[in-house]
Amino acid sequence: MVRPLPARLHNRPEKITQYSERARSSAPTVLAYADCGTYGKLDEFCTANDIPRLPGLHCYDVFAGAEVIANLFEEEPGTYLLTDYLVRTFDRTVLASLGLDKHPDLWPDYFAHYKRVVWLAQAPTPHLEAEAQRIATLFALPLTTIPTGLGGLESALAGLIADAKRGRRGQGSADAQGESGRRGGGTTRCSGPPQGPD
């Protein structure tokens, strides 16, 4: 059974643990979320309830690999990351949620420090490419596209499910312990369901 958590939780990461508790089942459970801005609170929940979660600080790590993401931020800390989900929903999940649809004059207050936009493209289409370019144009910044596919997500989920079936916590969650909040970056916004893992 799949119990989806609302994608809007990425704008309210303090509620991810609360919603995870509501969705918990007596059956073996895995959590398809990375830390996603909870700064270790999700790990505390997972440890207390013996529930493995996806590895990493955020879905970017799952899609592209933690080393790739760390290198992107080391190369340019002012990197704004996009996933397919964020490209599809940018006007709603970013502009409207920050009030920029009504107060575009606040744009510099939120985004003036960004230097580039990087799209982690899981399943690029001409429409998504055009949307990603439109978003980069809003930033007045260049767009870099990194094809990631869904292999990282599929592999991580397969590992979690296999561990749950064997009745033990996945190593992905164990590896994630202690990582939460350790690595910084330009943005911590994640991509949420249904297209993203977390």
Foldseek 3Di string as FASTA:
>chain_A
DDDFDDLLCLVVVCCPLVVCVVPDDPALAEALWESSPNLCPNLVSCVVVQYAYAADQGLVCLQANPVVQLVVCVVPQLEAEAELQCLVQVCPNPCVVVVCVPVVVCVCVQRVSHAAYEYAYADDDPVSVVSQVVVRVSSVHYYHYDDRHCVSVVVRVVQQVVCSVVPHYGVRSVVRVPVRPPGDGNDSRHRGPDVTRD
